[in-house]
């Protein structure tokens, strides 16, 4: 959580390119979490125990 707060704080003091970079990091993080959740859901559906 500290890392996210630090990114947001530094983003406010950054250049336009830096703001786009931080936004890209957040978008990438959201995609990673969404894909992980999807794969977990699919794996739970196809378990054969």
N, C-alpha and C. Protein backbone atom coordinates (compact mmCIF):
# COMPACT_ATOMS: atom_id res chain seq x y z
N UNK A 1 0.82 -1.19 0.00
CA UNK A 1 0.00 0.00 0.00
C UNK A 1 0.87 1.26 0.00
N UNK A 2 1.97 1.21 0.72
CA UNK A 2 2.88 2.35 0.77
C UNK A 2 3.41 2.70 -0.62
N UNK A 3 3.67 1.68 -1.43
CA UNK A 3 4.18 1.92 -2.78
C UNK A 3 3.16 2.66 -3.63
N UNK A 4 1.91 2.30 -3.51
CA UNK A 4 0.85 2.96 -4.29
C UNK A 4 0.72 4.41 -3.86
N UNK A 5 0.75 4.65 -2.56
CA UNK A 5 0.65 6.03 -2.06
C UNK A 5 1.85 6.85 -2.53
N UNK A 6 3.02 6.25 -2.49
CA UNK A 6 4.23 6.97 -2.94
C UNK A 6 4.15 7.27 -4.44
N UNK A 7 3.66 6.33 -5.24
CA UNK A 7 3.50 6.58 -6.67
C UNK A 7 2.56 7.75 -6.92
N UNK A 8 1.43 7.76 -6.21
CA UNK A 8 0.46 8.83 -6.40
C UNK A 8 1.02 10.18 -5.94
N UNK A 9 1.75 10.17 -4.84
CA UNK A 9 2.35 11.41 -4.35
C UNK A 9 3.39 11.94 -5.33
N UNK A 10 4.25 11.05 -5.81
CA UNK A 10 5.28 11.47 -6.76
C UNK A 10 4.67 11.90 -8.09
N UNK A 11 3.53 11.31 -8.44
CA UNK A 11 2.88 11.65 -9.70
C UNK A 11 2.45 13.12 -9.69
N UNK A 12 2.05 13.62 -8.53
CA UNK A 12 1.59 15.01 -8.47
C UNK A 12 2.74 15.99 -8.67
N UNK A 13 3.97 15.55 -8.44
CA UNK A 13 5.14 16.42 -8.60
C UNK A 13 5.88 16.14 -9.92
N UNK A 14 5.30 15.32 -10.76
CA UNK A 14 6.00 14.84 -11.94
C UNK A 14 5.63 15.64 -13.19
N UNK A 15 6.38 15.36 -14.25
CA UNK A 15 6.08 15.95 -15.56
C UNK A 15 4.91 15.19 -16.19
N UNK A 16 4.48 15.66 -17.33
CA UNK A 16 3.38 15.00 -18.05
C UNK A 16 3.76 13.57 -18.40
N UNK A 17 5.00 13.37 -18.83
CA UNK A 17 5.44 12.01 -19.18
C UNK A 17 5.41 11.11 -17.95
N UNK A 18 5.80 11.64 -16.82
CA UNK A 18 5.77 10.86 -15.58
C UNK A 18 4.36 10.48 -15.18
N UNK A 19 3.42 11.40 -15.40
CA UNK A 19 2.02 11.11 -15.07
C UNK A 19 1.48 10.00 -15.97
N UNK A 20 1.84 10.03 -17.25
CA UNK A 20 1.43 8.96 -18.15
C UNK A 20 2.07 7.64 -17.74
N UNK A 21 3.30 7.70 -17.29
CA UNK A 21 4.00 6.48 -16.85
C UNK A 21 3.34 5.85 -15.64
N UNK A 22 2.97 6.67 -14.67
CA UNK A 22 2.29 6.15 -13.48
C UNK A 22 0.92 5.59 -13.85
N UNK A 23 0.22 6.28 -14.73
CA UNK A 23 -1.08 5.77 -15.19
C UNK A 23 -0.91 4.43 -15.89
N UNK A 24 0.15 4.29 -16.68
CA UNK A 24 0.40 3.02 -17.37
C UNK A 24 0.71 1.90 -16.37
N UNK A 25 1.44 2.23 -15.30
CA UNK A 25 1.73 1.24 -14.27
C UNK A 25 0.43 0.75 -13.63
N UNK A 26 -0.48 1.66 -13.31
CA UNK A 26 -1.74 1.27 -12.70
C UNK A 26 -2.59 0.43 -13.65
N UNK A 27 -2.63 0.81 -14.92
CA UNK A 27 -3.39 0.03 -15.90
C UNK A 27 -2.81 -1.37 -16.03
N UNK A 28 -1.49 -1.47 -16.09
CA UNK A 28 -0.82 -2.77 -16.18
C UNK A 28 -1.13 -3.61 -14.94
N UNK A 29 -1.10 -3.00 -13.76
CA UNK A 29 -1.40 -3.71 -12.52
C UNK A 29 -2.83 -4.23 -12.53
N UNK A 30 -3.78 -3.42 -12.98
CA UNK A 30 -5.18 -3.83 -13.04
C UNK A 30 -5.35 -5.01 -14.01
N UNK A 31 -4.66 -4.96 -15.15
CA UNK A 31 -4.74 -6.06 -16.12
C UNK A 31 -4.19 -7.34 -15.51
N UNK A 32 -3.05 -7.26 -14.81
CA UNK A 32 -2.45 -8.44 -14.19
C UNK A 32 -3.42 -9.05 -13.17
N UNK A 33 -4.02 -8.22 -12.32
CA UNK A 33 -4.94 -8.71 -11.31
C UNK A 33 -6.18 -9.32 -11.96
N UNK A 34 -6.71 -8.68 -12.99
CA UNK A 34 -7.90 -9.19 -13.67
C UNK A 34 -7.62 -10.54 -14.32
N UNK A 35 -6.49 -10.68 -14.98
CA UNK A 35 -6.15 -11.95 -15.63
C UNK A 35 -5.93 -13.04 -14.58
N UNK A 36 -5.30 -12.69 -13.47
CA UNK A 36 -5.09 -13.67 -12.41
C UNK A 36 -6.43 -14.15 -11.84
N UNK A 37 -7.35 -13.23 -11.61
CA UNK A 37 -8.67 -13.61 -11.10
C UNK A 37 -9.41 -14.48 -12.10
N UNK A 38 -9.34 -14.15 -13.37
CA UNK A 38 -9.99 -14.94 -14.41
C UNK A 38 -9.42 -16.36 -14.45
N UNK A 39 -8.09 -16.48 -14.39
CA UNK A 39 -7.46 -17.80 -14.45
C UNK A 39 -7.81 -18.63 -13.21
N UNK A 40 -7.88 -18.00 -12.05
CA UNK A 40 -8.27 -18.72 -10.84
C UNK A 40 -9.70 -19.22 -10.96
N UNK A 41 -10.58 -18.36 -11.45
CA UNK A 41 -11.99 -18.74 -11.63
C UNK A 41 -12.12 -19.90 -12.61
N UNK A 42 -11.42 -19.83 -13.72
CA UNK A 42 -11.47 -20.92 -14.70
C UNK A 42 -10.89 -22.21 -14.13
N UNK A 43 -9.83 -22.11 -13.36
CA UNK A 43 -9.21 -23.29 -12.77
C UNK A 43 -10.14 -23.94 -11.77
N UNK A 44 -10.86 -23.15 -11.01
CA UNK A 44 -11.80 -23.71 -10.04
C UNK A 44 -12.97 -24.39 -10.73
N UNK A 45 -13.37 -23.89 -11.88
CA UNK A 45 -14.47 -24.51 -12.65
C UNK A 45 -14.07 -25.88 -13.19
N UNK A 46 -12.80 -26.04 -13.59
CA UNK A 46 -12.35 -27.24 -14.27
C UNK A 46 -11.65 -28.24 -13.37
N UNK A 47 -11.71 -28.04 -12.06
CA UNK A 47 -11.07 -28.99 -11.16
C UNK A 47 -11.87 -30.29 -11.15
N UNK A 48 -11.16 -31.41 -11.16
CA UNK A 48 -11.79 -32.73 -11.18
C UNK A 48 -11.35 -33.51 -9.96
N UNK A 49 -11.98 -33.24 -8.84
CA UNK A 49 -11.61 -33.96 -7.61
C UNK A 49 -12.67 -34.93 -7.25
